[in-house]
All heavy atoms as atom14 arrays in JSON, in Angstrom:
{
  "sequence": "GTRMRPLTDTLPKPLVSVGGKPLLDHVLDRLAEVG",
  "atom14_mask": [
    [1, 1, 1, 1, 0, 0, 0, 0, 0, 0, 0, 0, 0, 0],
    [1, 1, 1, 1, 1, 1, 1, 0, 0, 0, 0, 0, 0, 0],
    [1, 1, 1, 1, 1, 1, 1, 1, 1, 1, 1, 0, 0, 0],
    [1, 1, 1, 1, 1, 1, 1, 1, 0, 0, 0, 0, 0, 0],
    [1, 1, 1, 1, 1, 1, 1, 1, 1, 1, 1, 0, 0, 0],
    [1, 1, 1, 1, 1, 1, 1, 0, 0, 0, 0, 0, 0, 0],
    [1, 1, 1, 1, 1, 1, 1, 1, 0, 0, 0, 0, 0, 0],
    [1, 1, 1, 1, 1, 1, 1, 0, 0, 0, 0, 0, 0, 0],
    [1, 1, 1, 1, 1, 1, 1, 1, 0, 0, 0, 0, 0, 0],
    [1, 1, 1, 1, 1, 1, 1, 0, 0, 0, 0, 0, 0, 0],
    [1, 1, 1, 1, 1, 1, 1, 1, 0, 0, 0, 0, 0, 0],
    [1, 1, 1, 1, 1, 1, 1, 0, 0, 0, 0, 0, 0, 0],
    [1, 1, 1, 1, 1, 1, 1, 1, 1, 0, 0, 0, 0, 0],
    [1, 1, 1, 1, 1, 1, 1, 0, 0, 0, 0, 0, 0, 0],
    [1, 1, 1, 1, 1, 1, 1, 1, 0, 0, 0, 0, 0, 0],
    [1, 1, 1, 1, 1, 1, 1, 0, 0, 0, 0, 0, 0, 0],
    [1, 1, 1, 1, 1, 1, 0, 0, 0, 0, 0, 0, 0, 0],
    [1, 1, 1, 1, 1, 1, 1, 0, 0, 0, 0, 0, 0, 0],
    [1, 1, 1, 1, 0, 0, 0, 0, 0, 0, 0, 0, 0, 0],
    [1, 1, 1, 1, 0, 0, 0, 0, 0, 0, 0, 0, 0, 0],
    [1, 1, 1, 1, 1, 1, 1, 1, 1, 0, 0, 0, 0, 0],
    [1, 1, 1, 1, 1, 1, 1, 0, 0, 0, 0, 0, 0, 0],
    [1, 1, 1, 1, 1, 1, 1, 1, 0, 0, 0, 0, 0, 0],
    [1, 1, 1, 1, 1, 1, 1, 1, 0, 0, 0, 0, 0, 0],
    [1, 1, 1, 1, 1, 1, 1, 1, 0, 0, 0, 0, 0, 0],
    [1, 1, 1, 1, 1, 1, 1, 1, 1, 1, 0, 0, 0, 0],
    [1, 1, 1, 1, 1, 1, 1, 0, 0, 0, 0, 0, 0, 0],
    [1, 1, 1, 1, 1, 1, 1, 1, 0, 0, 0, 0, 0, 0],
    [1, 1, 1, 1, 1, 1, 1, 1, 0, 0, 0, 0, 0, 0],
    [1, 1, 1, 1, 1, 1, 1, 1, 1, 1, 1, 0, 0, 0],
    [1, 1, 1, 1, 1, 1, 1, 1, 0, 0, 0, 0, 0, 0],
    [1, 1, 1, 1, 1, 0, 0, 0, 0, 0, 0, 0, 0, 0],
    [1, 1, 1, 1, 1, 1, 1, 1, 1, 0, 0, 0, 0, 0],
    [1, 1, 1, 1, 1, 1, 1, 0, 0, 0, 0, 0, 0, 0],
    [1, 1, 1, 1, 0, 0, 0, 0, 0, 0, 0, 0, 0, 0]
  ],
  "atom14_positions": [
    [[-5.83, -16.14, 21.0], [-6.89, -15.13, 21.06], [-8.3, -15.7, 21.03], [-9.19, -15.1, 20.42], [0.0, 0.0, 0.0], [0.0, 0.0, 0.0], [0.0, 0.0, 0.0], [0.0, 0.0, 0.0], [0.0, 0.0, 0.0], [0.0, 0.0, 0.0], [0.0, 0.0, 0.0], [0.0, 0.0, 0.0], [0.0, 0.0, 0.0], [0.0, 0.0, 0.0]],
    [[-8.51, -16.82, 21.7], [-9.8, -17.5, 21.61], [-10.96, -16.67, 22.16], [-12.07, -16.73, 21.63], [-9.75, -18.85, 22.34], [-9.27, -18.65, 23.68], [-8.8, -19.81, 21.64], [0.0, 0.0, 0.0], [0.0, 0.0, 0.0], [0.0, 0.0, 0.0], [0.0, 0.0, 0.0], [0.0, 0.0, 0.0], [0.0, 0.0, 0.0], [0.0, 0.0, 0.0]],
    [[-10.72, -15.86, 23.19], [-11.8, -15.07, 23.78], [-12.2, -13.89, 22.89], [-13.23, -13.26, 23.14], [-11.4, -14.59, 25.17], [-11.22, -15.72, 26.17], [-10.82, -15.22, 27.56], [-11.87, -14.37, 28.11], [-11.68, -13.11, 28.52], [-10.49, -12.54, 28.4], [-12.67, -12.41, 29.04], [0.0, 0.0, 0.0], [0.0, 0.0, 0.0], [0.0, 0.0, 0.0]],
    [[-11.38, -13.6, 21.89], [-11.68, -12.49, 20.99], [-12.44, -12.95, 19.74], [-12.72, -12.18, 18.84], [-10.37, -11.79, 20.59], [-10.54, -10.46, 19.88], [-11.39, -9.17, 20.82], [-10.06, -8.52, 21.82], [0.0, 0.0, 0.0], [0.0, 0.0, 0.0], [0.0, 0.0, 0.0], [0.0, 0.0, 0.0], [0.0, 0.0, 0.0], [0.0, 0.0, 0.0]],
    [[-12.81, -14.22, 19.68], [-13.62, -14.7, 18.56], [-14.98, -14.01, 18.54], [-15.5, -13.67, 19.6], [-13.81, -16.22, 18.67], [-12.54, -17.0, 18.37], [-12.74, -18.48, 18.6], [-11.53, -19.23, 18.23], [-11.29, -20.48, 18.6], [-12.17, -21.14, 19.33], [-10.17, -21.08, 18.23], [0.0, 0.0, 0.0], [0.0, 0.0, 0.0], [0.0, 0.0, 0.0]],
    [[-15.58, -13.76, 17.38], [-15.2, -14.25, 16.05], [-14.14, -13.41, 15.32], [-13.73, -13.77, 14.22], [-16.52, -14.2, 15.29], [-17.23, -13.02, 15.89], [-16.89, -13.05, 17.36], [0.0, 0.0, 0.0], [0.0, 0.0, 0.0], [0.0, 0.0, 0.0], [0.0, 0.0, 0.0], [0.0, 0.0, 0.0], [0.0, 0.0, 0.0], [0.0, 0.0, 0.0]],
    [[-13.67, -12.29, 15.93], [-12.69, -11.46, 15.24], [-11.42, -12.25, 14.91], [-10.78, -12.02, 13.88], [-12.33, -10.24, 16.09], [-13.47, -9.25, 16.38], [-12.97, -8.12, 17.26], [-14.04, -8.7, 15.09], [0.0, 0.0, 0.0], [0.0, 0.0, 0.0], [0.0, 0.0, 0.0], [0.0, 0.0, 0.0], [0.0, 0.0, 0.0], [0.0, 0.0, 0.0]],
    [[-11.06, -13.17, 15.79], [-9.81, -13.92, 15.6], [-10.02, -15.21, 14.8], [-9.11, -16.04, 14.74], [-9.16, -14.23, 16.95], [-10.13, -14.82, 17.83], [-8.62, -12.96, 17.58], [0.0, 0.0, 0.0], [0.0, 0.0, 0.0], [0.0, 0.0, 0.0], [0.0, 0.0, 0.0], [0.0, 0.0, 0.0], [0.0, 0.0, 0.0], [0.0, 0.0, 0.0]],
    [[-11.18, -15.37, 14.2], [-11.36, -16.51, 13.28], [-10.5, -16.34, 12.03], [-10.1, -17.33, 11.4], [-12.83, -16.66, 12.87], [-13.69, -17.22, 14.0], [-13.12, -17.83, 14.93], [-14.92, -17.05, 13.95], [0.0, 0.0, 0.0], [0.0, 0.0, 0.0], [0.0, 0.0, 0.0], [0.0, 0.0, 0.0], [0.0, 0.0, 0.0], [0.0, 0.0, 0.0]],
    [[-10.23, -15.11, 11.67], [-9.45, -14.84, 10.44], [-8.3, -13.87, 10.68], [-7.59, -13.52, 9.74], [-10.36, -14.25, 9.36], [-10.99, -13.06, 9.86], [-11.44, -15.25, 8.94], [0.0, 0.0, 0.0], [0.0, 0.0, 0.0], [0.0, 0.0, 0.0], [0.0, 0.0, 0.0], [0.0, 0.0, 0.0], [0.0, 0.0, 0.0], [0.0, 0.0, 0.0]],
    [[-8.11, -13.45, 11.93], [-7.14, -12.4, 12.23], [-6.47, -12.71, 13.57], [-7.15, -13.06, 14.53], [-7.86, -11.05, 12.32], [-7.04, -9.78, 12.44], [-6.37, -9.44, 11.11], [-7.95, -8.62, 12.88], [0.0, 0.0, 0.0], [0.0, 0.0, 0.0], [0.0, 0.0, 0.0], [0.0, 0.0, 0.0], [0.0, 0.0, 0.0], [0.0, 0.0, 0.0]],
    [[-5.15, -12.57, 13.69], [-4.52, -12.76, 15.0], [-4.9, -11.61, 15.92], [-5.04, -10.46, 15.47], [-3.03, -12.75, 14.69], [-2.9, -11.96, 13.43], [-4.16, -12.23, 12.64], [0.0, 0.0, 0.0], [0.0, 0.0, 0.0], [0.0, 0.0, 0.0], [0.0, 0.0, 0.0], [0.0, 0.0, 0.0], [0.0, 0.0, 0.0], [0.0, 0.0, 0.0]],
    [[-5.06, -11.89, 17.19], [-5.49, -10.86, 18.13], [-4.6, -9.62, 18.12], [-5.11, -8.49, 18.22], [-5.58, -11.43, 19.55], [-6.17, -10.43, 20.55], [-6.3, -11.02, 21.94], [-6.86, -10.01, 22.92], [-6.94, -10.54, 24.3], [0.0, 0.0, 0.0], [0.0, 0.0, 0.0], [0.0, 0.0, 0.0], [0.0, 0.0, 0.0], [0.0, 0.0, 0.0]],
    [[-3.27, -9.74, 18.01], [-2.44, -8.53, 18.0], [-2.76, -7.56, 16.86], [-2.4, -6.39, 16.94], [-1.02, -9.08, 17.86], [-1.08, -10.44, 18.47], [-2.43, -10.96, 18.07], [0.0, 0.0, 0.0], [0.0, 0.0, 0.0], [0.0, 0.0, 0.0], [0.0, 0.0, 0.0], [0.0, 0.0, 0.0], [0.0, 0.0, 0.0], [0.0, 0.0, 0.0]],
    [[-3.44, -8.04, 15.81], [-3.79, -7.15, 14.71], [-5.23, -6.65, 14.78], [-5.67, -5.92, 13.88], [-3.56, -7.87, 13.37], [-2.1, -8.25, 13.07], [-1.97, -8.77, 11.65], [-1.15, -7.08, 13.31], [0.0, 0.0, 0.0], [0.0, 0.0, 0.0], [0.0, 0.0, 0.0], [0.0, 0.0, 0.0], [0.0, 0.0, 0.0], [0.0, 0.0, 0.0]],
    [[-5.96, -7.0, 15.84], [-7.28, -6.43, 16.05], [-7.13, -4.94, 16.32], [-6.28, -4.51, 17.11], [-7.99, -7.13, 17.23], [-9.25, -6.38, 17.62], [-8.32, -8.57, 16.86], [0.0, 0.0, 0.0], [0.0, 0.0, 0.0], [0.0, 0.0, 0.0], [0.0, 0.0, 0.0], [0.0, 0.0, 0.0], [0.0, 0.0, 0.0], [0.0, 0.0, 0.0]],
    [[-7.95, -4.14, 15.66], [-7.82, -2.68, 15.76], [-8.61, -2.13, 16.94], [-9.76, -2.49, 17.16], [-8.3, -2.04, 14.46], [-8.15, -0.64, 14.51], [0.0, 0.0, 0.0], [0.0, 0.0, 0.0], [0.0, 0.0, 0.0], [0.0, 0.0, 0.0], [0.0, 0.0, 0.0], [0.0, 0.0, 0.0], [0.0, 0.0, 0.0], [0.0, 0.0, 0.0]],
    [[-7.98, -1.23, 17.67], [-8.62, -0.48, 18.75], [-8.26, 0.99, 18.56], [-7.08, 1.34, 18.49], [-8.15, -0.97, 20.14], [-8.79, -0.11, 21.24], [-8.5, -2.43, 20.35], [0.0, 0.0, 0.0], [0.0, 0.0, 0.0], [0.0, 0.0, 0.0], [0.0, 0.0, 0.0], [0.0, 0.0, 0.0], [0.0, 0.0, 0.0], [0.0, 0.0, 0.0]],
    [[-9.26, 1.82, 18.42], [-9.0, 3.23, 18.19], [-8.3, 3.5, 16.88], [-7.5, 4.43, 16.76], [0.0, 0.0, 0.0], [0.0, 0.0, 0.0], [0.0, 0.0, 0.0], [0.0, 0.0, 0.0], [0.0, 0.0, 0.0], [0.0, 0.0, 0.0], [0.0, 0.0, 0.0], [0.0, 0.0, 0.0], [0.0, 0.0, 0.0], [0.0, 0.0, 0.0]],
    [[-8.57, 2.67, 15.87], [-8.0, 2.88, 14.55], [-6.58, 2.38, 14.38], [-5.95, 2.64, 13.34], [0.0, 0.0, 0.0], [0.0, 0.0, 0.0], [0.0, 0.0, 0.0], [0.0, 0.0, 0.0], [0.0, 0.0, 0.0], [0.0, 0.0, 0.0], [0.0, 0.0, 0.0], [0.0, 0.0, 0.0], [0.0, 0.0, 0.0], [0.0, 0.0, 0.0]],
    [[-6.07, 1.61, 15.35], [-4.7, 1.11, 15.27], [-4.65, -0.31, 15.83], [-5.24, -0.58, 16.87], [-3.77, 2.02, 16.08], [-2.3, 1.61, 16.04], [-1.47, 2.37, 17.08], [-1.43, 3.85, 16.82], [-0.46, 4.52, 17.75], [0.0, 0.0, 0.0], [0.0, 0.0, 0.0], [0.0, 0.0, 0.0], [0.0, 0.0, 0.0], [0.0, 0.0, 0.0]],
    [[-3.96, -1.24, 15.17], [-3.83, -2.59, 15.71], [-3.18, -2.58, 17.1], [-2.3, -1.76, 17.38], [-2.93, -3.3, 14.69], [-3.15, -2.56, 13.41], [-3.34, -1.12, 13.83], [0.0, 0.0, 0.0], [0.0, 0.0, 0.0], [0.0, 0.0, 0.0], [0.0, 0.0, 0.0], [0.0, 0.0, 0.0], [0.0, 0.0, 0.0], [0.0, 0.0, 0.0]],
    [[-3.63, -3.51, 17.94], [-3.08, -3.6, 19.29], [-1.55, -3.68, 19.26], [-0.86, -3.04, 20.07], [-3.65, -4.83, 20.0], [-5.11, -4.73, 20.45], [-5.66, -6.11, 20.78], [-5.22, -3.81, 21.68], [0.0, 0.0, 0.0], [0.0, 0.0, 0.0], [0.0, 0.0, 0.0], [0.0, 0.0, 0.0], [0.0, 0.0, 0.0], [0.0, 0.0, 0.0]],
    [[-1.01, -4.46, 18.35], [0.44, -4.63, 18.27], [1.15, -3.31, 18.01], [2.24, -3.05, 18.56], [0.76, -5.64, 17.17], [2.24, -5.99, 16.92], [2.91, -6.48, 18.19], [2.35, -7.04, 15.82], [0.0, 0.0, 0.0], [0.0, 0.0, 0.0], [0.0, 0.0, 0.0], [0.0, 0.0, 0.0], [0.0, 0.0, 0.0], [0.0, 0.0, 0.0]],
    [[0.56, -2.46, 17.19], [1.18, -1.17, 16.9], [1.12, -0.23, 18.1], [2.05, 0.57, 18.31], [0.53, -0.52, 15.69], [0.93, -1.2, 14.39], [1.96, -1.89, 14.38], [0.2, -1.05, 13.39], [0.0, 0.0, 0.0], [0.0, 0.0, 0.0], [0.0, 0.0, 0.0], [0.0, 0.0, 0.0], [0.0, 0.0, 0.0], [0.0, 0.0, 0.0]],
    [[0.05, -0.32, 18.88], [0.01, 0.46, 20.12], [1.23, 0.12, 20.97], [1.91, 1.01, 21.5], [-1.26, 0.14, 20.92], [-2.51, 0.82, 20.42], [-2.79, 2.14, 20.67], [-3.55, 0.33, 19.68], [-3.95, 2.47, 20.11], [-4.44, 1.38, 19.52], [0.0, 0.0, 0.0], [0.0, 0.0, 0.0], [0.0, 0.0, 0.0], [0.0, 0.0, 0.0]],
    [[1.51, -1.18, 21.13], [2.62, -1.64, 21.97], [3.96, -1.2, 21.39], [4.82, -0.65, 22.09], [2.57, -3.17, 22.12], [3.87, -3.71, 22.71], [1.39, -3.58, 22.98], [0.0, 0.0, 0.0], [0.0, 0.0, 0.0], [0.0, 0.0, 0.0], [0.0, 0.0, 0.0], [0.0, 0.0, 0.0], [0.0, 0.0, 0.0], [0.0, 0.0, 0.0]],
    [[4.17, -1.44, 20.1], [5.45, -1.1, 19.48], [5.7, 0.41, 19.49], [6.85, 0.87, 19.64], [5.51, -1.65, 18.06], [5.57, -3.18, 17.98], [5.37, -3.64, 16.54], [6.89, -3.71, 18.54], [0.0, 0.0, 0.0], [0.0, 0.0, 0.0], [0.0, 0.0, 0.0], [0.0, 0.0, 0.0], [0.0, 0.0, 0.0], [0.0, 0.0, 0.0]],
    [[4.66, 1.19, 19.33], [4.81, 2.65, 19.41], [5.25, 3.08, 20.8], [6.09, 3.99, 20.94], [3.51, 3.34, 19.03], [3.2, 3.26, 17.54], [4.08, 2.85, 16.76], [2.05, 3.59, 17.15], [0.0, 0.0, 0.0], [0.0, 0.0, 0.0], [0.0, 0.0, 0.0], [0.0, 0.0, 0.0], [0.0, 0.0, 0.0], [0.0, 0.0, 0.0]],
    [[4.7, 2.45, 21.83], [5.12, 2.77, 23.2], [6.61, 2.46, 23.39], [7.35, 3.23, 24.01], [4.31, 1.96, 24.21], [2.85, 2.36, 24.31], [2.68, 3.59, 25.15], [1.28, 3.87, 25.39], [0.72, 5.07, 25.29], [1.45, 6.09, 24.91], [-0.55, 5.26, 25.55], [0.0, 0.0, 0.0], [0.0, 0.0, 0.0], [0.0, 0.0, 0.0]],
    [[7.05, 1.32, 22.87], [8.46, 0.95, 22.99], [9.34, 1.94, 22.23], [10.4, 2.36, 22.73], [8.66, -0.46, 22.46], [8.04, -1.58, 23.31], [8.07, -2.91, 22.56], [8.76, -1.72, 24.65], [0.0, 0.0, 0.0], [0.0, 0.0, 0.0], [0.0, 0.0, 0.0], [0.0, 0.0, 0.0], [0.0, 0.0, 0.0], [0.0, 0.0, 0.0]],
    [[8.92, 2.34, 21.04], [9.7, 3.3, 20.27], [9.82, 4.64, 20.99], [10.87, 5.29, 20.96], [9.07, 3.5, 18.89], [0.0, 0.0, 0.0], [0.0, 0.0, 0.0], [0.0, 0.0, 0.0], [0.0, 0.0, 0.0], [0.0, 0.0, 0.0], [0.0, 0.0, 0.0], [0.0, 0.0, 0.0], [0.0, 0.0, 0.0], [0.0, 0.0, 0.0]],
    [[8.75, 5.04, 21.66], [8.73, 6.33, 22.35], [9.79, 6.43, 23.45], [10.26, 7.52, 23.76], [7.34, 6.59, 22.94], [6.28, 6.94, 21.92], [4.87, 6.86, 22.48], [4.73, 6.64, 23.71], [3.91, 6.99, 21.71], [0.0, 0.0, 0.0], [0.0, 0.0, 0.0], [0.0, 0.0, 0.0], [0.0, 0.0, 0.0], [0.0, 0.0, 0.0]],
    [[10.15, 5.29, 24.06], [11.15, 5.32, 25.13], [12.53, 4.9, 24.63], [13.43, 4.63, 25.42], [10.72, 4.48, 26.35], [9.47, 5.07, 26.99], [10.52, 3.02, 25.98], [0.0, 0.0, 0.0], [0.0, 0.0, 0.0], [0.0, 0.0, 0.0], [0.0, 0.0, 0.0], [0.0, 0.0, 0.0], [0.0, 0.0, 0.0], [0.0, 0.0, 0.0]],
    [[12.7, 4.81, 23.31], [14.02, 4.58, 22.76], [14.42, 3.14, 22.52], [15.59, 2.87, 22.25], [0.0, 0.0, 0.0], [0.0, 0.0, 0.0], [0.0, 0.0, 0.0], [0.0, 0.0, 0.0], [0.0, 0.0, 0.0], [0.0, 0.0, 0.0], [0.0, 0.0, 0.0], [0.0, 0.0, 0.0], [0.0, 0.0, 0.0], [0.0, 0.0, 0.0]]
  ]
}
């Protein structure tokens, strides 16, 4: 996640929040929605 610095100096990019939810959770929620 080098292009997301300085946010990724202390946080992995998948846990950066967008719209109040970490990116990783956006993805996992989409997967859950389709079973």
